[in-house]
């Protein structure tokens, strides 16, 4: 752990190193986007362990939202750690927003924010931060009071009963964390499964083309406990551009209709790293799952 106040212009920012793993890569040859949420979780845990707020990890603190911006591909380099900078974007009575930068070498590859709240696991109610906790988080905010990154929120549209792609999904035992519910990072994997299956169901072969994730926003609405009966990921196209699209998704309990988590993913079609116009057949498939005009 090191500090870097002169570089970031913040009061006592913390930095943590995380080694990538060979298994973090996908078939495209770079670290898969869902793994990055895990890197943020590692840094966030170390951040909480670094001060008097370490008891929050035992008593209960939950993620309620993520905003993730993918700036560059991350590559597996044996022995070269990623450096994550983390600080407080804002802190209130029962709401904490943390901001991050991830660097590979000297290159800024990712930035993000996470919203958390302390929870009393005995009765499932939100509690307020103690004065000691709030003071420690406040001391790790930007020196000039600005709230971290200006990551504008991607507007959310509920899918409801709109025409959408539906993908059954089974929660695995390994998806569950020490709190007994599905870990927040795993929902990004669920949403990825839904998007990939939607693409596979078009039957299209796109040699030389890659879909790159540029941004993801996720909100967590209720906890998910493991069971053998499947849930489902519902995916619909929220907006469609020339080279990009915004995909709205919901993780639902098919038995109750409860939305466990919702998200929006900005994805860009590329060839050799350069955005390209969406083929006619792919655009037609996307339009078949388009949310109705408002």
C-alpha atoms as a PDB file:
ATOM      1  CA  UNK A   1       0.000   0.000   0.000  1.00  0.00           C
ATOM      2  CA  UNK A   2       1.276   3.443  -0.948  1.00  0.00           C
ATOM      3  CA  UNK A   3      -0.048   6.980  -0.914  1.00  0.00           C
ATOM      4  CA  UNK A   4      -0.045   9.365  -3.836  1.00  0.00           C
ATOM      5  CA  UNK A   5      -1.456  12.682  -2.729  1.00  0.00           C
ATOM      6  CA  UNK A   6       0.866  14.765  -4.893  1.00  0.00           C
ATOM      7  CA  UNK A   7      -0.280  12.978  -8.036  1.00  0.00           C
ATOM      8  CA  UNK A   8      -4.003  12.862  -7.380  1.00  0.00           C
ATOM      9  CA  UNK A   9      -4.469  16.045  -5.372  1.00  0.00           C
ATOM     10  CA  UNK A  10      -6.474  14.226  -2.709  1.00  0.00           C
ATOM     11  CA  UNK A  11      -6.133  13.847   1.039  1.00  0.00           C
ATOM     12  CA  UNK A  12      -4.505  10.511   1.911  1.00  0.00           C
ATOM     13  CA  UNK A  13      -5.610   8.494  -1.142  1.00  0.00           C
ATOM     14  CA  UNK A  14      -4.802   4.819  -0.987  1.00  0.00           C
ATOM     15  CA  UNK A  15      -3.361   2.633  -3.728  1.00  0.00           C
ATOM     16  CA  UNK A  16      -3.425  -1.158  -3.944  1.00  0.00           C
ATOM     17  CA  UNK A  17      -1.791  -3.654  -6.270  1.00  0.00           C
ATOM     18  CA  UNK A  18      -3.635  -6.612  -7.781  1.00  0.00           C
ATOM     19  CA  UNK A  19      -2.024  -9.303  -9.907  1.00  0.00           C
ATOM     20  CA  UNK A  20      -3.989 -10.454 -12.918  1.00  0.00           C
ATOM     21  CA  UNK A  21      -4.405 -14.171 -13.497  1.00  0.00           C
ATOM     22  CA  UNK A  22      -4.031 -16.087 -16.740  1.00  0.00           C
ATOM     23  CA  UNK A  23      -7.601 -17.328 -16.271  1.00  0.00           C
ATOM     24  CA  UNK A  24      -8.891 -13.731 -16.231  1.00  0.00           C
ATOM     25  CA  UNK A  25      -8.486 -13.574 -20.016  1.00  0.00           C
ATOM     26  CA  UNK A  26     -11.261 -14.322 -22.496  1.00  0.00           C
ATOM     27  CA  UNK A  27     -11.063 -15.682 -26.039  1.00  0.00           C
ATOM     28  CA  UNK A  28     -10.305 -12.175 -27.344  1.00  0.00           C
ATOM     29  CA  UNK A  29      -6.930 -12.359 -25.581  1.00  0.00           C
ATOM     30  CA  UNK A  30      -7.434  -9.639 -22.984  1.00  0.00           C
ATOM     31  CA  UNK A  31      -8.843  -9.530 -19.458  1.00  0.00           C
ATOM     32  CA  UNK A  32     -12.615  -9.982 -19.602  1.00  0.00           C
ATOM     33  CA  UNK A  33     -14.618  -6.948 -18.511  1.00  0.00           C
ATOM     34  CA  UNK A  34     -16.419  -8.793 -15.712  1.00  0.00           C
ATOM     35  CA  UNK A  35     -13.099  -9.515 -14.013  1.00  0.00           C
ATOM     36  CA  UNK A  36     -12.489  -5.808 -13.490  1.00  0.00           C
ATOM     37  CA  UNK A  37     -15.332  -5.562 -10.987  1.00  0.00           C
ATOM     38  CA  UNK A  38     -13.441  -8.190  -9.001  1.00  0.00           C
ATOM     39  CA  UNK A  39     -10.293  -6.056  -9.053  1.00  0.00           C
ATOM     40  CA  UNK A  40     -12.323  -3.142  -7.708  1.00  0.00           C
ATOM     41  CA  UNK A  41     -13.718  -5.364  -4.963  1.00  0.00           C
ATOM     42  CA  UNK A  42     -10.213  -6.421  -3.930  1.00  0.00           C
ATOM     43  CA  UNK A  43      -9.106  -2.770  -3.685  1.00  0.00           C
ATOM     44  CA  UNK A  44     -12.309  -1.787  -1.884  1.00  0.00           C
ATOM     45  CA  UNK A  45     -11.810  -4.538   0.693  1.00  0.00           C
ATOM     46  CA  UNK A  46      -8.203  -3.461   1.294  1.00  0.00           C
ATOM     47  CA  UNK A  47      -9.407   0.139   1.570  1.00  0.00           C
ATOM     48  CA  UNK A  48     -11.849  -0.803   4.345  1.00  0.00           C
ATOM     49  CA  UNK A  49      -9.253  -2.935   6.094  1.00  0.00           C
ATOM     50  CA  UNK A  50      -6.780  -0.039   6.096  1.00  0.00           C
ATOM     51  CA  UNK A  51      -8.660   2.010   8.692  1.00  0.00           C
ATOM     52  CA  UNK A  52     -11.167   1.922  11.557  1.00  0.00           C
ATOM     53  CA  UNK A  53     -13.973   0.895   9.180  1.00  0.00           C
ATOM     54  CA  UNK A  54     -12.742  -2.689   8.861  1.00  0.00           C
ATOM     55  CA  UNK A  55     -15.589  -3.862  11.105  1.00  0.00           C
ATOM     56  CA  UNK A  56     -18.016  -2.960   8.303  1.00  0.00           C
ATOM     57  CA  UNK A  57     -16.876  -6.060   6.440  1.00  0.00           C
ATOM     58  CA  UNK A  58     -18.049  -8.256   9.319  1.00  0.00           C
ATOM     59  CA  UNK A  59     -21.074  -6.269  10.441  1.00  0.00           C
ATOM     60  CA  UNK A  60     -22.292  -5.695   6.913  1.00  0.00           C
ATOM     61  CA  UNK A  61     -21.844  -3.254   4.053  1.00  0.00           C
ATOM     62  CA  UNK A  62     -23.467  -3.858   0.682  1.00  0.00           C
ATOM     63  CA  UNK A  63     -22.977  -2.539  -2.823  1.00  0.00           C
ATOM     64  CA  UNK A  64     -26.069  -0.848  -4.226  1.00  0.00           C
ATOM     65  CA  UNK A  65     -24.691   0.406  -7.561  1.00  0.00           C
ATOM     66  CA  UNK A  66     -21.680   0.442  -9.879  1.00  0.00           C
ATOM     67  CA  UNK A  67     -20.632   2.755 -12.686  1.00  0.00           C
ATOM     68  CA  UNK A  68     -17.822   1.208 -14.725  1.00  0.00           C
ATOM     69  CA  UNK A  69     -15.962   2.851 -17.592  1.00  0.00           C
ATOM     70  CA  UNK A  70     -13.582   0.767 -19.717  1.00  0.00           C
ATOM     71  CA  UNK A  71     -10.918   3.002 -21.246  1.00  0.00           C
ATOM     72  CA  UNK A  72      -8.308   0.513 -22.504  1.00  0.00           C
ATOM     73  CA  UNK A  73      -7.935  -3.241 -22.777  1.00  0.00           C
ATOM     74  CA  UNK A  74      -6.168  -4.880 -19.841  1.00  0.00           C
ATOM     75  CA  UNK A  75      -3.664  -7.593 -20.730  1.00  0.00           C
ATOM     76  CA  UNK A  76      -2.267 -10.400 -18.649  1.00  0.00           C
ATOM     77  CA  UNK A  77       1.380  -9.614 -17.894  1.00  0.00           C
ATOM     78  CA  UNK A  78       2.952 -12.142 -15.509  1.00  0.00           C
ATOM     79  CA  UNK A  79       4.346 -10.445 -12.433  1.00  0.00           C
ATOM     80  CA  UNK A  80       3.056  -6.976 -13.360  1.00  0.00           C
ATOM     81  CA  UNK A  81       0.361  -5.817 -10.923  1.00  0.00           C
ATOM     82  CA  UNK A  82      -2.460  -3.453 -11.717  1.00  0.00           C
ATOM     83  CA  UNK A  83      -2.434  -0.350  -9.538  1.00  0.00           C
ATOM     84  CA  UNK A  84      -5.843   0.724  -8.214  1.00  0.00           C
ATOM     85  CA  UNK A  85      -6.275   4.184  -6.731  1.00  0.00           C
ATOM     86  CA  UNK A  86      -9.311   4.541  -4.495  1.00  0.00           C
ATOM     87  CA  UNK A  87     -10.808   7.446  -2.582  1.00  0.00           C
ATOM     88  CA  UNK A  88     -14.103   8.807  -1.254  1.00  0.00           C
ATOM     89  CA  UNK A  89     -16.299  10.571  -3.803  1.00  0.00           C
ATOM     90  CA  UNK A  90     -19.021  11.357  -1.242  1.00  0.00           C
ATOM     91  CA  UNK A  91     -20.240  10.172   2.149  1.00  0.00           C
ATOM     92  CA  UNK A  92     -23.574  10.760   3.820  1.00  0.00           C
ATOM     93  CA  UNK A  93     -25.473   9.440   6.794  1.00  0.00           C
ATOM     94  CA  UNK A  94     -25.933   5.976   5.279  1.00  0.00           C
ATOM     95  CA  UNK A  95     -24.514   6.246   1.757  1.00  0.00           C
ATOM     96  CA  UNK A  96     -20.920   6.037   0.581  1.00  0.00           C
ATOM     97  CA  UNK A  97     -19.606   6.533  -2.953  1.00  0.00           C
ATOM     98  CA  UNK A  98     -16.055   5.410  -3.701  1.00  0.00           C
ATOM     99  CA  UNK A  99     -14.112   6.375  -6.828  1.00  0.00           C
ATOM    100  CA  UNK A 100     -11.375   4.369  -8.530  1.00  0.00           C
ATOM    101  CA  UNK A 101      -8.701   4.534 -11.188  1.00  0.00           C
ATOM    102  CA  UNK A 102      -6.951   1.398 -12.440  1.00  0.00           C
ATOM    103  CA  UNK A 103      -3.586   1.717 -14.135  1.00  0.00           C
ATOM    104  CA  UNK A 104      -1.611  -0.915 -16.022  1.00  0.00           C
ATOM    105  CA  UNK A 105       1.920   0.383 -15.995  1.00  0.00           C
ATOM    106  CA  UNK A 106       1.499   4.114 -16.586  1.00  0.00           C
ATOM    107  CA  UNK A 107      -1.703   3.749 -18.629  1.00  0.00           C
ATOM    108  CA  UNK A 108      -5.104   4.581 -17.166  1.00  0.00           C
ATOM    109  CA  UNK A 109      -7.238   1.618 -18.244  1.00  0.00           C
ATOM    110  CA  UNK A 110     -10.380   1.871 -16.137  1.00  0.00           C
ATOM    111  CA  UNK A 111     -12.290   4.176 -13.840  1.00  0.00           C
ATOM    112  CA  UNK A 112     -15.374   3.555 -11.767  1.00  0.00           C
ATOM    113  CA  UNK A 113     -17.582   4.489  -8.853  1.00  0.00           C
ATOM    114  CA  UNK A 114     -19.322   2.220  -6.355  1.00  0.00           C
ATOM    115  CA  UNK A 115     -22.214   3.154  -4.097  1.00  0.00           C
ATOM    116  CA  UNK A 116     -22.444   1.302  -0.770  1.00  0.00           C
ATOM    117  CA  UNK A 117     -24.545   1.409   2.364  1.00  0.00           C
ATOM    118  CA  UNK A 118     -24.048  -0.169   5.806  1.00  0.00           C
ATOM    119  CA  UNK A 119     -26.539  -2.898   6.605  1.00  0.00           C
ATOM    120  CA  UNK A 120     -27.635  -4.569   9.800  1.00  0.00           C
ATOM    121  CA  UNK A 121     -27.721  -8.208   8.742  1.00  0.00           C
ATOM    122  CA  UNK A 122     -29.651  -9.231  11.860  1.00  0.00           C
ATOM    123  CA  UNK A 123     -32.829  -7.573  10.600  1.00  0.00           C
ATOM    124  CA  UNK A 124     -31.890  -6.497   7.078  1.00  0.00           C
ATOM    125  CA  UNK A 125     -32.197  -2.785   7.779  1.00  0.00           C
ATOM    126  CA  UNK A 126     -29.872  -0.001   6.670  1.00  0.00           C
ATOM    127  CA  UNK A 127     -27.999   1.654   9.514  1.00  0.00           C
ATOM    128  CA  UNK A 128     -26.222   4.992   9.721  1.00  0.00           C
ATOM    129  CA  UNK A 129     -22.463   5.358   9.667  1.00  0.00           C
ATOM    130  CA  UNK A 130     -20.900   6.123  13.032  1.00  0.00           C
ATOM    131  CA  UNK A 131     -19.188   9.480  13.397  1.00  0.00           C
ATOM    132  CA  UNK A 132     -15.804   7.741  13.383  1.00  0.00           C
ATOM    133  CA  UNK A 133     -16.632   5.956  10.122  1.00  0.00           C
ATOM    134  CA  UNK A 134     -17.920   9.101   8.420  1.00  0.00           C
ATOM    135  CA  UNK A 135     -14.882  11.089   9.510  1.00  0.00           C
ATOM    136  CA  UNK A 136     -12.460   8.474   8.166  1.00  0.00           C
ATOM    137  CA  UNK A 137     -14.206   8.330   4.790  1.00  0.00           C
ATOM    138  CA  UNK A 138     -14.474  12.120   4.612  1.00  0.00           C
ATOM    139  CA  UNK A 139     -10.726  12.439   5.220  1.00  0.00           C
ATOM    140  CA  UNK A 140     -10.147  10.468   2.013  1.00  0.00           C
ATOM    141  CA  UNK A 141     -12.114  12.756  -0.303  1.00  0.00           C
ATOM    142  CA  UNK A 142     -10.688  15.031  -2.975  1.00  0.00           C
ATOM    143  CA  UNK A 143      -8.919  18.002  -1.433  1.00  0.00           C
ATOM    144  CA  UNK A 144     -11.005  20.553  -3.340  1.00  0.00           C
ATOM    145  CA  UNK A 145     -14.297  18.866  -2.474  1.00  0.00           C
ATOM    146  CA  UNK A 146     -15.159  17.685  -5.994  1.00  0.00           C
ATOM    147  CA  UNK A 147     -17.090  14.388  -6.035  1.00  0.00           C
ATOM    148  CA  UNK A 148     -14.608  12.153  -7.830  1.00  0.00           C
ATOM    149  CA  UNK A 149     -15.304  11.383 -11.479  1.00  0.00           C
ATOM    150  CA  UNK A 150     -18.110  13.107 -13.383  1.00  0.00           C
ATOM    151  CA  UNK A 151     -19.473   9.780 -14.591  1.00  0.00           C
ATOM    152  CA  UNK A 152     -22.936  10.758 -15.721  1.00  0.00           C
ATOM    153  CA  UNK A 153     -25.511   8.087 -14.998  1.00  0.00           C
ATOM    154  CA  UNK A 154     -26.848   6.229 -18.025  1.00  0.00           C
ATOM    155  CA  UNK A 155     -30.591   6.762 -18.012  1.00  0.00           C
ATOM    156  CA  UNK A 156     -32.471   3.674 -16.837  1.00  0.00           C
ATOM    157  CA  UNK A 157     -35.510   2.319 -18.643  1.00  0.00           C
ATOM    158  CA  UNK A 158     -37.373  -0.615 -17.125  1.00  0.00           C
ATOM    159  CA  UNK A 159     -37.914  -3.486 -19.541  1.00  0.00           C
ATOM    160  CA  UNK A 160     -41.251  -4.544 -18.110  1.00  0.00           C
ATOM    161  CA  UNK A 161     -43.264  -6.701 -20.511  1.00  0.00           C
ATOM    162  CA  UNK A 162     -41.547  -5.354 -23.643  1.00  0.00           C
ATOM    163  CA  UNK A 163     -40.301  -7.734 -26.337  1.00  0.00           C
ATOM    164  CA  UNK A 164     -36.917  -8.870 -25.085  1.00  0.00           C
ATOM    165  CA  UNK A 165     -34.442 -11.719 -25.144  1.00  0.00           C
ATOM    166  CA  UNK A 166     -34.785 -14.097 -22.191  1.00  0.00           C
ATOM    167  CA  UNK A 167     -32.035 -16.392 -21.007  1.00  0.00           C
ATOM    168  CA  UNK A 168     -32.496 -18.909 -18.146  1.00  0.00           C
ATOM    169  CA  UNK A 169     -29.698 -18.711 -15.616  1.00  0.00           C
ATOM    170  CA  UNK A 170     -28.805 -20.965 -12.733  1.00  0.00           C
ATOM    171  CA  UNK A 171     -27.056 -19.504  -9.697  1.00  0.00           C
ATOM    172  CA  UNK A 172     -24.025 -21.565  -8.722  1.00  0.00           C
ATOM    173  CA  UNK A 173     -22.906 -22.274  -5.173  1.00  0.00           C
ATOM    174  CA  UNK A 174     -19.591 -20.590  -5.967  1.00  0.00           C
ATOM    175  CA  UNK A 175     -21.423 -17.351  -6.875  1.00  0.00           C
ATOM    176  CA  UNK A 176     -22.273 -16.802  -3.202  1.00  0.00           C
ATOM    177  CA  UNK A 177     -20.048 -14.755  -0.880  1.00  0.00           C
ATOM    178  CA  UNK A 178     -19.511 -14.845   2.879  1.00  0.00           C
ATOM    179  CA  UNK A 179     -22.761 -12.941   3.447  1.00  0.00           C
ATOM    180  CA  UNK A 180     -24.753 -15.857   2.004  1.00  0.00           C
ATOM    181  CA  UNK A 181     -25.993 -14.114  -1.124  1.00  0.00           C
ATOM    182  CA  UNK A 182     -24.768 -13.705  -4.709  1.00  0.00           C
ATOM    183  CA  UNK A 183     -21.717 -11.437  -4.787  1.00  0.00           C
ATOM    184  CA  UNK A 184     -22.217  -8.124  -6.567  1.00  0.00           C
ATOM    185  CA  UNK A 185     -19.462  -8.837  -9.111  1.00  0.00           C
ATOM    186  CA  UNK A 186     -21.217 -11.980 -10.325  1.00  0.00           C
ATOM    187  CA  UNK A 187     -24.211 -10.095 -11.718  1.00  0.00           C
ATOM    188  CA  UNK A 188     -21.945  -8.628 -14.396  1.00  0.00           C
ATOM    189  CA  UNK A 189     -21.207 -12.202 -15.452  1.00  0.00           C
ATOM    190  CA  UNK A 190     -24.936 -12.961 -15.529  1.00  0.00           C
ATOM    191  CA  UNK A 191     -25.560  -9.927 -17.738  1.00  0.00           C
ATOM    192  CA  UNK A 192     -22.676 -10.951 -20.016  1.00  0.00           C
ATOM    193  CA  UNK A 193     -24.215 -14.414 -20.382  1.00  0.00           C
ATOM    194  CA  UNK A 194     -27.494 -12.805 -21.413  1.00  0.00           C
ATOM    195  CA  UNK A 195     -25.874 -10.541 -24.018  1.00  0.00           C
ATOM    196  CA  UNK A 196     -23.756 -13.330 -25.522  1.00  0.00           C
ATOM    197  CA  UNK A 197     -26.696 -15.706 -25.738  1.00  0.00           C
ATOM    198  CA  UNK A 198     -28.770 -13.009 -27.424  1.00  0.00           C
ATOM    199  CA  UNK A 199     -26.025 -12.581 -30.019  1.00  0.00           C
ATOM    200  CA  UNK A 200     -25.694 -16.348 -30.527  1.00  0.00           C
ATOM    201  CA  UNK A 201     -29.443 -16.647 -31.013  1.00  0.00           C
ATOM    202  CA  UNK A 202     -29.245 -14.314 -34.021  1.00  0.00           C
ATOM    203  CA  UNK A 203     -27.295 -17.075 -35.778  1.00  0.00           C
ATOM    204  CA  UNK A 204     -24.887 -14.509 -37.191  1.00  0.00           C
ATOM    205  CA  UNK A 205     -21.266 -15.202 -37.958  1.00  0.00           C
ATOM    206  CA  UNK A 206     -19.163 -12.037 -37.605  1.00  0.00           C
ATOM    207  CA  UNK A 207     -15.598 -12.937 -38.619  1.00  0.00           C
ATOM    208  CA  UNK A 208     -13.112 -10.231 -37.712  1.00  0.00           C
ATOM    209  CA  UNK A 209     -15.663  -8.219 -35.708  1.00  0.00           C
ATOM    210  CA  UNK A 210     -15.649  -7.800 -31.923  1.00  0.00           C
ATOM    211  CA  UNK A 211     -18.125  -6.270 -29.544  1.00  0.00           C
ATOM    212  CA  UNK A 212     -16.309  -4.167 -26.969  1.00  0.00           C
ATOM    213  CA  UNK A 213     -17.872  -3.089 -23.663  1.00  0.00           C
ATOM    214  CA  UNK A 214     -17.273   0.630 -23.076  1.00  0.00           C
ATOM    215  CA  UNK A 215     -19.436   1.344 -20.040  1.00  0.00           C
ATOM    216  CA  UNK A 216     -21.698  -0.445 -17.567  1.00  0.00           C
ATOM    217  CA  UNK A 217     -24.073   0.841 -14.912  1.00  0.00           C
ATOM    218  CA  UNK A 218     -25.592  -1.649 -12.458  1.00  0.00           C
ATOM    219  CA  UNK A 219     -28.095  -1.230  -9.621  1.00  0.00           C
ATOM    220  CA  UNK A 220     -28.774  -3.928  -7.034  1.00  0.00           C
ATOM    221  CA  UNK A 221     -32.363  -4.107  -5.817  1.00  0.00           C
ATOM    222  CA  UNK A 222     -32.558  -7.201  -3.612  1.00  0.00           C
ATOM    223  CA  UNK A 223     -30.302 -10.027  -2.521  1.00  0.00           C
ATOM    224  CA  UNK A 224     -30.232 -13.322  -4.411  1.00  0.00           C
ATOM    225  CA  UNK A 225     -29.757 -16.577  -2.540  1.00  0.00           C
ATOM    226  CA  UNK A 226     -28.625 -19.803  -4.241  1.00  0.00           C
ATOM    227  CA  UNK A 227     -31.173 -22.336  -5.434  1.00  0.00           C
ATOM    228  CA  UNK A 228     -31.344 -25.007  -8.122  1.00  0.00           C
ATOM    229  CA  UNK A 229     -34.369 -23.514  -9.887  1.00  0.00           C
ATOM    230  CA  UNK A 230     -33.264 -21.021 -12.537  1.00  0.00           C
ATOM    231  CA  UNK A 231     -33.611 -17.276 -12.637  1.00  0.00           C
ATOM    232  CA  UNK A 232     -33.550 -15.407 -15.949  1.00  0.00           C
ATOM    233  CA  UNK A 233     -31.649 -12.565 -17.558  1.00  0.00           C
ATOM    234  CA  UNK A 234     -33.875 -10.336 -19.674  1.00  0.00           C
ATOM    235  CA  UNK A 235     -32.136  -8.181 -22.287  1.00  0.00           C
ATOM    236  CA  UNK A 236     -33.494  -5.430 -24.543  1.00  0.00           C
ATOM    237  CA  UNK A 237     -31.938  -2.731 -26.696  1.00  0.00           C
ATOM    238  CA  UNK A 238     -32.448   0.670 -25.079  1.00  0.00           C
ATOM    239  CA  UNK A 239     -30.862   2.737 -27.853  1.00  0.00           C
ATOM    240  CA  UNK A 240     -29.138   2.025 -31.135  1.00  0.00           C
ATOM    241  CA  UNK A 241     -26.416   4.053 -32.851  1.00  0.00           C
ATOM    242  CA  UNK A 242     -24.359   3.604 -35.994  1.00  0.00           C
ATOM    243  CA  UNK A 243     -21.578   1.605 -34.312  1.00  0.00           C
ATOM    244  CA  UNK A 244     -22.850   1.196 -30.760  1.00  0.00           C
ATOM    245  CA  UNK A 245     -25.856   0.233 -28.685  1.00  0.00           C
ATOM    246  CA  UNK A 246     -27.082   0.476 -25.116  1.00  0.00           C
ATOM    247  CA  UNK A 247     -28.434  -2.827 -23.822  1.00  0.00           C
ATOM    248  CA  UNK A 248     -30.820  -2.740 -20.853  1.00  0.00           C
ATOM    249  CA  UNK A 249     -30.866  -5.884 -18.706  1.00  0.00           C
ATOM    250  CA  UNK A 250     -32.628  -7.271 -15.670  1.00  0.00           C
ATOM    251  CA  UNK A 251     -31.861 -10.285 -13.504  1.00  0.00           C
ATOM    252  CA  UNK A 252     -35.302 -11.604 -12.539  1.00  0.00           C
ATOM    253  CA  UNK A 253     -36.788 -14.216 -10.279  1.00  0.00           C
ATOM    254  CA  UNK A 254     -39.136 -15.972 -12.723  1.00  0.00           C
ATOM    255  CA  UNK A 255     -41.272 -17.299  -9.884  1.00  0.00           C
ATOM    256  CA  UNK A 256     -42.069 -13.926  -8.302  1.00  0.00           C
ATOM    257  CA  UNK A 257     -41.245 -11.465 -11.071  1.00  0.00           C
ATOM    258  CA  UNK A 258     -38.862  -9.666  -8.689  1.00  0.00           C
ATOM    259  CA  UNK A 259     -36.042  -7.744 -10.379  1.00  0.00           C
ATOM    260  CA  UNK A 260     -32.880  -8.585  -8.455  1.00  0.00           C
ATOM    261  CA  UNK A 261     -30.573  -6.259 -10.382  1.00  0.00           C
ATOM    262  CA  UNK A 262     -30.757  -4.027 -13.424  1.00  0.00           C
ATOM    263  CA  UNK A 263     -28.112  -2.605 -15.691  1.00  0.00           C
ATOM    264  CA  UNK A 264     -27.205  -0.827 -18.885  1.00  0.00           C
ATOM    265  CA  UNK A 265     -24.229  -1.763 -21.050  1.00  0.00           C
ATOM    266  CA  UNK A 266     -22.743   0.434 -23.769  1.00  0.00           C
ATOM    267  CA  UNK A 267     -21.150  -1.815 -26.356  1.00  0.00           C
ATOM    268  CA  UNK A 268     -19.303  -0.880 -29.537  1.00  0.00           C
ATOM    269  CA  UNK A 269     -18.807  -2.998 -32.646  1.00  0.00           C
ATOM    270  CA  UNK A 270     -15.153  -2.909 -33.733  1.00  0.00           C
ATOM    271  CA  UNK A 271     -12.701  -4.323 -36.243  1.00  0.00           C
ATOM    272  CA  UNK A 272      -9.025  -4.234 -35.243  1.00  0.00           C
ATOM    273  CA  UNK A 273      -9.956  -1.900 -32.403  1.00  0.00           C
ATOM    274  CA  UNK A 274     -11.709   0.627 -34.665  1.00  0.00           C
ATOM    275  CA  UNK A 275     -15.508   1.195 -34.435  1.00  0.00           C
ATOM    276  CA  UNK A 276     -17.368  -0.010 -37.537  1.00  0.00           C
ATOM    277  CA  UNK A 277     -20.903   0.344 -38.854  1.00  0.00           C
ATOM    278  CA  UNK A 278     -23.300  -2.317 -37.616  1.00  0.00           C
ATOM    279  CA  UNK A 279     -24.215  -4.886 -40.313  1.00  0.00           C
ATOM    280  CA  UNK A 280     -27.796  -4.811 -41.564  1.00  0.00           C
ATOM    281  CA  UNK A 281     -28.696  -8.243 -40.167  1.00  0.00           C
ATOM    282  CA  UNK A 282     -27.309  -7.431 -36.713  1.00  0.00           C
ATOM    283  CA  UNK A 283     -29.142  -4.104 -36.688  1.00  0.00           C
ATOM    284  CA  UNK A 284     -32.385  -5.869 -37.618  1.00  0.00           C
ATOM    285  CA  UNK A 285     -31.918  -8.380 -34.784  1.00  0.00           C
ATOM    286  CA  UNK A 286     -31.221  -5.547 -32.332  1.00  0.00           C
ATOM    287  CA  UNK A 287     -34.322  -3.701 -33.464  1.00  0.00           C
ATOM    288  CA  UNK A 288     -36.453  -6.794 -32.783  1.00  0.00           C
ATOM    289  CA  UNK A 289     -35.518  -6.431 -29.075  1.00  0.00           C
ATOM    290  CA  UNK A 290     -35.819  -2.653 -29.023  1.00  0.00           C
ATOM    291  CA  UNK A 291     -37.676  -1.004 -26.148  1.00  0.00           C
ATOM    292  CA  UNK A 292     -40.735   0.874 -27.452  1.00  0.00           C
ATOM    293  CA  UNK A 293     -40.407   4.576 -28.057  1.00  0.00           C
ATOM    294  CA  UNK A 294     -41.498   6.742 -25.136  1.00  0.00           C
END
